[in-house]
Amino acid sequence: MRSNAGSESEAVFECLAEKRRRDVVAALRGRGAASLRELADSIADPNDRTERVELELHHRHLPKLADAGLAEYDPDDRTIEPSEGTAAADVVARTVEQCGALCPDAEPTRSDRARLE
């Protein structure tokens, strides 16, 4: 039987497996509440349309981060703010990014492969 702490840890790692979610956590670090538009503007790649990023955040990424306790998201007001778990998640996210830089030949994750296709 899996412990509750173990399943919570797995939820955190599952959330942070997506680069876009790691970007959200990094953007929330040391910041107060932000609107969905502000957050999308701050994490969008130069080739991304902000509206597309907003939709992805609203429907896919922010609910998952909120469910894992890594951010507070109000879908009605479309506001995002750090939660108690944001700082710890940021440390984990930066570690994941550093490991990726150290292991450039590592196999891409399922989510990375889907994005590349």
N, C-alpha and C. Protein backbone atom coordinates (compact mmCIF):
# COMPACT_ATOMS: atom_id res chain seq x y z
N MET A 1 0.84 -1.18 0.00
CA MET A 1 0.00 0.00 0.00
C MET A 1 0.89 1.25 0.00
N ARG A 2 0.57 2.20 -0.83
CA ARG A 2 1.34 3.43 -0.96
C ARG A 2 0.89 4.44 0.10
N SER A 3 1.86 5.12 0.69
CA SER A 3 1.51 6.12 1.69
C SER A 3 0.98 7.38 1.02
N ASN A 4 0.26 8.18 1.80
CA ASN A 4 -0.26 9.44 1.28
C ASN A 4 0.88 10.36 0.87
N ALA A 5 1.96 10.38 1.68
CA ALA A 5 3.11 11.22 1.35
C ALA A 5 3.74 10.78 0.04
N GLY A 6 3.79 9.46 -0.19
CA GLY A 6 4.35 8.95 -1.43
C GLY A 6 3.53 9.36 -2.63
N SER A 7 2.21 9.29 -2.51
CA SER A 7 1.36 9.68 -3.64
C SER A 7 1.43 11.19 -3.87
N GLU A 8 1.58 11.98 -2.79
CA GLU A 8 1.74 13.43 -2.95
C GLU A 8 3.05 13.74 -3.67
N SER A 9 4.11 13.03 -3.31
CA SER A 9 5.40 13.24 -3.98
C SER A 9 5.30 12.90 -5.46
N GLU A 10 4.61 11.81 -5.76
CA GLU A 10 4.45 11.42 -7.16
C GLU A 10 3.66 12.47 -7.93
N ALA A 11 2.65 13.06 -7.30
CA ALA A 11 1.87 14.11 -7.95
C ALA A 11 2.73 15.32 -8.25
N VAL A 12 3.62 15.67 -7.32
CA VAL A 12 4.53 16.80 -7.54
C VAL A 12 5.45 16.51 -8.71
N PHE A 13 6.06 15.33 -8.72
CA PHE A 13 6.98 15.00 -9.81
C PHE A 13 6.25 14.91 -11.15
N GLU A 14 5.04 14.38 -11.14
CA GLU A 14 4.26 14.31 -12.37
C GLU A 14 3.97 15.71 -12.89
N CYS A 15 3.61 16.62 -11.99
CA CYS A 15 3.35 18.01 -12.39
C CYS A 15 4.60 18.64 -13.00
N LEU A 16 5.72 18.45 -12.33
CA LEU A 16 6.94 19.13 -12.75
C LEU A 16 7.63 18.45 -13.93
N ALA A 17 7.08 17.34 -14.40
CA ALA A 17 7.63 16.70 -15.59
C ALA A 17 7.40 17.56 -16.84
N GLU A 18 6.38 18.39 -16.80
CA GLU A 18 6.05 19.28 -17.92
C GLU A 18 6.84 20.58 -17.79
N LYS A 19 7.58 20.95 -18.82
CA LYS A 19 8.38 22.17 -18.79
C LYS A 19 7.53 23.41 -18.56
N ARG A 20 6.37 23.47 -19.17
CA ARG A 20 5.50 24.64 -19.02
C ARG A 20 5.14 24.85 -17.54
N ARG A 21 4.90 23.75 -16.83
CA ARG A 21 4.57 23.88 -15.41
C ARG A 21 5.79 24.30 -14.59
N ARG A 22 6.97 23.84 -14.98
CA ARG A 22 8.18 24.30 -14.29
C ARG A 22 8.37 25.79 -14.54
N ASP A 23 8.04 26.25 -15.73
CA ASP A 23 8.11 27.68 -16.03
C ASP A 23 7.15 28.49 -15.16
N VAL A 24 5.95 27.95 -14.94
CA VAL A 24 4.97 28.64 -14.09
C VAL A 24 5.51 28.75 -12.67
N VAL A 25 6.03 27.66 -12.14
CA VAL A 25 6.56 27.67 -10.77
C VAL A 25 7.69 28.69 -10.65
N ALA A 26 8.58 28.72 -11.64
CA ALA A 26 9.68 29.69 -11.62
C ALA A 26 9.16 31.12 -11.67
N ALA A 27 8.12 31.36 -12.47
CA ALA A 27 7.56 32.70 -12.59
C ALA A 27 6.89 33.15 -11.29
N LEU A 28 6.32 32.19 -10.56
CA LEU A 28 5.63 32.53 -9.32
C LEU A 28 6.60 32.76 -8.16
N ARG A 29 7.83 32.29 -8.32
CA ARG A 29 8.81 32.43 -7.24
C ARG A 29 8.99 33.90 -6.87
N GLY A 30 8.77 34.21 -5.64
CA GLY A 30 8.98 35.57 -5.15
C GLY A 30 8.01 36.61 -5.71
N ARG A 31 6.89 36.17 -6.23
CA ARG A 31 5.93 37.09 -6.85
C ARG A 31 4.58 36.93 -6.16
N GLY A 32 3.83 37.97 -6.14
CA GLY A 32 2.47 37.91 -5.61
C GLY A 32 1.53 37.39 -6.67
N ALA A 33 0.27 37.71 -6.51
CA ALA A 33 -0.73 37.26 -7.47
C ALA A 33 -0.48 37.87 -8.85
N ALA A 34 -0.84 37.11 -9.87
CA ALA A 34 -0.70 37.57 -11.25
C ALA A 34 -1.96 37.18 -12.00
N SER A 35 -2.27 37.94 -13.02
CA SER A 35 -3.40 37.56 -13.87
C SER A 35 -2.91 36.47 -14.83
N LEU A 36 -3.86 35.76 -15.38
CA LEU A 36 -3.53 34.72 -16.35
C LEU A 36 -2.76 35.32 -17.52
N ARG A 37 -3.17 36.49 -17.99
CA ARG A 37 -2.50 37.17 -19.11
C ARG A 37 -1.05 37.52 -18.75
N GLU A 38 -0.85 38.08 -17.55
CA GLU A 38 0.52 38.43 -17.11
C GLU A 38 1.41 37.20 -17.06
N LEU A 39 0.88 36.12 -16.50
CA LEU A 39 1.67 34.90 -16.41
C LEU A 39 1.98 34.36 -17.80
N ALA A 40 0.99 34.32 -18.67
CA ALA A 40 1.21 33.82 -20.04
C ALA A 40 2.25 34.66 -20.75
N ASP A 41 2.17 35.99 -20.61
CA ASP A 41 3.16 36.87 -21.23
C ASP A 41 4.56 36.58 -20.72
N SER A 42 4.67 36.29 -19.42
CA SER A 42 6.00 36.11 -18.83
C SER A 42 6.64 34.78 -19.17
N ILE A 43 5.85 33.76 -19.52
CA ILE A 43 6.45 32.45 -19.80
C ILE A 43 6.37 32.03 -21.26
N ALA A 44 5.67 32.79 -22.09
CA ALA A 44 5.52 32.42 -23.50
C ALA A 44 6.87 32.48 -24.21
N ASP A 45 7.13 31.48 -25.04
CA ASP A 45 8.31 31.49 -25.89
C ASP A 45 8.08 32.52 -26.99
N PRO A 46 9.16 33.02 -27.59
CA PRO A 46 9.00 34.03 -28.65
C PRO A 46 8.09 33.58 -29.80
N ASN A 47 8.04 32.27 -30.06
CA ASN A 47 7.22 31.77 -31.17
C ASN A 47 5.79 31.45 -30.76
N ASP A 48 5.48 31.55 -29.47
CA ASP A 48 4.13 31.23 -28.98
C ASP A 48 3.21 32.44 -29.07
N ARG A 49 1.94 32.17 -29.34
CA ARG A 49 0.93 33.22 -29.23
C ARG A 49 0.46 33.22 -27.78
N THR A 50 0.39 34.39 -27.18
CA THR A 50 0.00 34.51 -25.78
C THR A 50 -1.37 33.89 -25.53
N GLU A 51 -2.30 34.06 -26.45
CA GLU A 51 -3.65 33.52 -26.28
C GLU A 51 -3.61 32.00 -26.17
N ARG A 52 -2.77 31.38 -26.98
CA ARG A 52 -2.63 29.92 -26.94
C ARG A 52 -2.05 29.46 -25.61
N VAL A 53 -1.04 30.19 -25.12
CA VAL A 53 -0.43 29.87 -23.83
C VAL A 53 -1.47 30.03 -22.71
N GLU A 54 -2.27 31.10 -22.79
CA GLU A 54 -3.32 31.30 -21.78
C GLU A 54 -4.29 30.12 -21.75
N LEU A 55 -4.71 29.66 -22.91
CA LEU A 55 -5.63 28.52 -22.97
C LEU A 55 -5.01 27.27 -22.37
N GLU A 56 -3.75 27.00 -22.73
CA GLU A 56 -3.06 25.83 -22.17
C GLU A 56 -2.96 25.93 -20.65
N LEU A 57 -2.60 27.11 -20.16
CA LEU A 57 -2.48 27.30 -18.73
C LEU A 57 -3.82 27.10 -18.04
N HIS A 58 -4.85 27.75 -18.55
CA HIS A 58 -6.18 27.74 -17.93
C HIS A 58 -6.78 26.33 -17.89
N HIS A 59 -6.69 25.61 -19.00
CA HIS A 59 -7.37 24.32 -19.09
C HIS A 59 -6.53 23.13 -18.65
N ARG A 60 -5.22 23.26 -18.74
CA ARG A 60 -4.38 22.08 -18.52
C ARG A 60 -3.42 22.23 -17.35
N HIS A 61 -2.59 23.24 -17.38
CA HIS A 61 -1.47 23.31 -16.44
C HIS A 61 -1.84 23.86 -15.06
N LEU A 62 -2.56 24.96 -15.00
CA LEU A 62 -2.86 25.57 -13.70
C LEU A 62 -3.78 24.70 -12.83
N PRO A 63 -4.80 24.04 -13.39
CA PRO A 63 -5.58 23.14 -12.54
C PRO A 63 -4.74 22.00 -11.95
N LYS A 64 -3.82 21.49 -12.74
CA LYS A 64 -2.98 20.39 -12.25
C LYS A 64 -2.04 20.89 -11.14
N LEU A 65 -1.44 22.08 -11.34
CA LEU A 65 -0.59 22.65 -10.30
C LEU A 65 -1.39 22.92 -9.03
N ALA A 66 -2.60 23.43 -9.17
CA ALA A 66 -3.44 23.72 -8.01
C ALA A 66 -3.82 22.44 -7.28
N ASP A 67 -4.18 21.40 -8.04
CA ASP A 67 -4.55 20.12 -7.43
C ASP A 67 -3.39 19.53 -6.63
N ALA A 68 -2.16 19.75 -7.08
CA ALA A 68 -0.98 19.23 -6.40
C ALA A 68 -0.52 20.15 -5.27
N GLY A 69 -1.18 21.30 -5.11
CA GLY A 69 -0.82 22.23 -4.05
C GLY A 69 0.41 23.07 -4.36
N LEU A 70 0.75 23.19 -5.64
CA LEU A 70 1.95 23.92 -6.04
C LEU A 70 1.66 25.35 -6.46
N ALA A 71 0.40 25.71 -6.55
CA ALA A 71 -0.02 27.08 -6.88
C ALA A 71 -1.48 27.22 -6.48
N GLU A 72 -1.91 28.46 -6.31
CA GLU A 72 -3.32 28.75 -6.06
C GLU A 72 -3.86 29.36 -7.35
N TYR A 73 -4.94 28.78 -7.89
CA TYR A 73 -5.51 29.29 -9.12
C TYR A 73 -7.00 29.47 -8.96
N ASP A 74 -7.48 30.66 -9.29
CA ASP A 74 -8.91 30.95 -9.29
C ASP A 74 -9.34 31.05 -10.75
N PRO A 75 -9.98 30.01 -11.28
CA PRO A 75 -10.34 30.03 -12.70
C PRO A 75 -11.40 31.07 -13.05
N ASP A 76 -12.21 31.47 -12.07
CA ASP A 76 -13.22 32.49 -12.34
C ASP A 76 -12.59 33.87 -12.50
N ASP A 77 -11.71 34.22 -11.56
CA ASP A 77 -11.00 35.51 -11.64
C ASP A 77 -9.78 35.46 -12.54
N ARG A 78 -9.38 34.23 -12.90
CA ARG A 78 -8.17 34.01 -13.70
C ARG A 78 -6.94 34.65 -13.05
N THR A 79 -6.80 34.38 -11.75
CA THR A 79 -5.63 34.86 -11.01
C THR A 79 -4.86 33.67 -10.46
N ILE A 80 -3.55 33.83 -10.41
CA ILE A 80 -2.65 32.79 -9.93
C ILE A 80 -1.78 33.41 -8.86
N GLU A 81 -1.54 32.65 -7.80
CA GLU A 81 -0.60 33.12 -6.80
C GLU A 81 0.15 31.94 -6.22
N PRO A 82 1.30 32.22 -5.63
CA PRO A 82 2.07 31.13 -5.04
C PRO A 82 1.30 30.50 -3.88
N SER A 83 1.56 29.23 -3.65
CA SER A 83 0.98 28.53 -2.51
C SER A 83 2.13 28.17 -1.56
N GLU A 84 1.80 27.48 -0.49
CA GLU A 84 2.84 27.05 0.43
C GLU A 84 3.83 26.11 -0.26
N GLY A 85 3.38 25.38 -1.26
CA GLY A 85 4.24 24.41 -1.94
C GLY A 85 5.07 24.98 -3.08
N THR A 86 4.85 26.24 -3.45
CA THR A 86 5.53 26.80 -4.61
C THR A 86 7.05 26.85 -4.44
N ALA A 87 7.53 27.30 -3.29
CA ALA A 87 8.98 27.43 -3.07
C ALA A 87 9.67 26.07 -3.16
N ALA A 88 9.09 25.06 -2.52
CA ALA A 88 9.69 23.72 -2.57
C ALA A 88 9.64 23.18 -4.00
N ALA A 89 8.53 23.41 -4.69
CA ALA A 89 8.41 22.95 -6.06
C ALA A 89 9.43 23.62 -6.96
N ASP A 90 9.75 24.88 -6.68
CA ASP A 90 10.74 25.59 -7.47
C ASP A 90 12.12 24.96 -7.32
N VAL A 91 12.46 24.55 -6.10
CA VAL A 91 13.74 23.88 -5.87
C VAL A 91 13.80 22.58 -6.66
N VAL A 92 12.71 21.81 -6.62
CA VAL A 92 12.66 20.56 -7.37
C VAL A 92 12.73 20.84 -8.87
N ALA A 93 12.00 21.84 -9.34
CA ALA A 93 11.98 22.17 -10.77
C ALA A 93 13.36 22.59 -11.26
N ARG A 94 14.06 23.41 -10.48
CA ARG A 94 15.42 23.82 -10.88
C ARG A 94 16.36 22.63 -10.89
N THR A 95 16.18 21.71 -9.96
CA THR A 95 17.01 20.50 -9.94
C THR A 95 16.75 19.66 -11.18
N VAL A 96 15.48 19.52 -11.55
CA VAL A 96 15.13 18.77 -12.77
C VAL A 96 15.79 19.42 -13.99
N GLU A 97 15.73 20.74 -14.08
CA GLU A 97 16.34 21.45 -15.20
C GLU A 97 17.85 21.24 -15.23
N GLN A 98 18.49 21.29 -14.06
CA GLN A 98 19.95 21.09 -13.99
C GLN A 98 20.31 19.68 -14.39
N CYS A 99 19.53 18.70 -13.96
CA CYS A 99 19.79 17.31 -14.34
C CYS A 99 19.65 17.14 -15.86
N GLY A 100 18.66 17.79 -16.42
CA GLY A 100 18.49 17.72 -17.87
C GLY A 100 19.68 18.30 -18.60
N ALA A 101 20.26 19.38 -18.07
CA ALA A 101 21.44 19.99 -18.68
C ALA A 101 22.66 19.08 -18.53
N LEU A 102 22.70 18.34 -17.44
CA LEU A 102 23.83 17.44 -17.21
C LEU A 102 23.72 16.14 -18.01
N CYS A 103 22.51 15.80 -18.41
CA CYS A 103 22.25 14.54 -19.13
C CYS A 103 21.59 14.83 -20.48
N PRO A 104 22.29 15.49 -21.39
CA PRO A 104 21.65 15.87 -22.65
C PRO A 104 21.23 14.69 -23.52
N ASP A 105 21.80 13.50 -23.29
CA ASP A 105 21.45 12.34 -24.10
C ASP A 105 20.31 11.53 -23.52
N ALA A 106 19.72 12.01 -22.43
CA ALA A 106 18.62 11.29 -21.79
C ALA A 106 17.42 11.25 -22.71
N GLU A 107 16.64 10.19 -22.59
CA GLU A 107 15.43 10.04 -23.38
C GLU A 107 14.42 11.13 -23.00
N PRO A 108 13.74 11.74 -23.97
CA PRO A 108 12.71 12.72 -23.62
C PRO A 108 11.55 12.04 -22.92
N THR A 109 10.85 12.80 -22.11
CA THR A 109 9.68 12.26 -21.41
C THR A 109 8.52 12.13 -22.40
N ARG A 110 7.48 11.45 -21.96
CA ARG A 110 6.28 11.31 -22.80
C ARG A 110 5.75 12.66 -23.24
N SER A 111 5.71 13.61 -22.31
CA SER A 111 5.17 14.94 -22.64
C SER A 111 6.08 15.68 -23.61
N ASP A 112 7.40 15.50 -23.47
CA ASP A 112 8.32 16.13 -24.41
C ASP A 112 8.13 15.55 -25.80
N ARG A 113 7.97 14.22 -25.89
CA ARG A 113 7.79 13.58 -27.20
C ARG A 113 6.51 14.07 -27.86
N ALA A 114 5.44 14.19 -27.06
CA ALA A 114 4.15 14.65 -27.62
C ALA A 114 4.28 16.06 -28.17
N ARG A 115 5.03 16.90 -27.47
CA ARG A 115 5.20 18.29 -27.90
C ARG A 115 6.05 18.35 -29.17
N LEU A 116 7.00 17.42 -29.32
CA LEU A 116 7.89 17.43 -30.48
C LEU A 116 7.18 16.92 -31.74
N GLU A 117 6.13 16.15 -31.55
CA GLU A 117 5.44 15.56 -32.73
C GLU A 117 4.52 16.52 -33.39
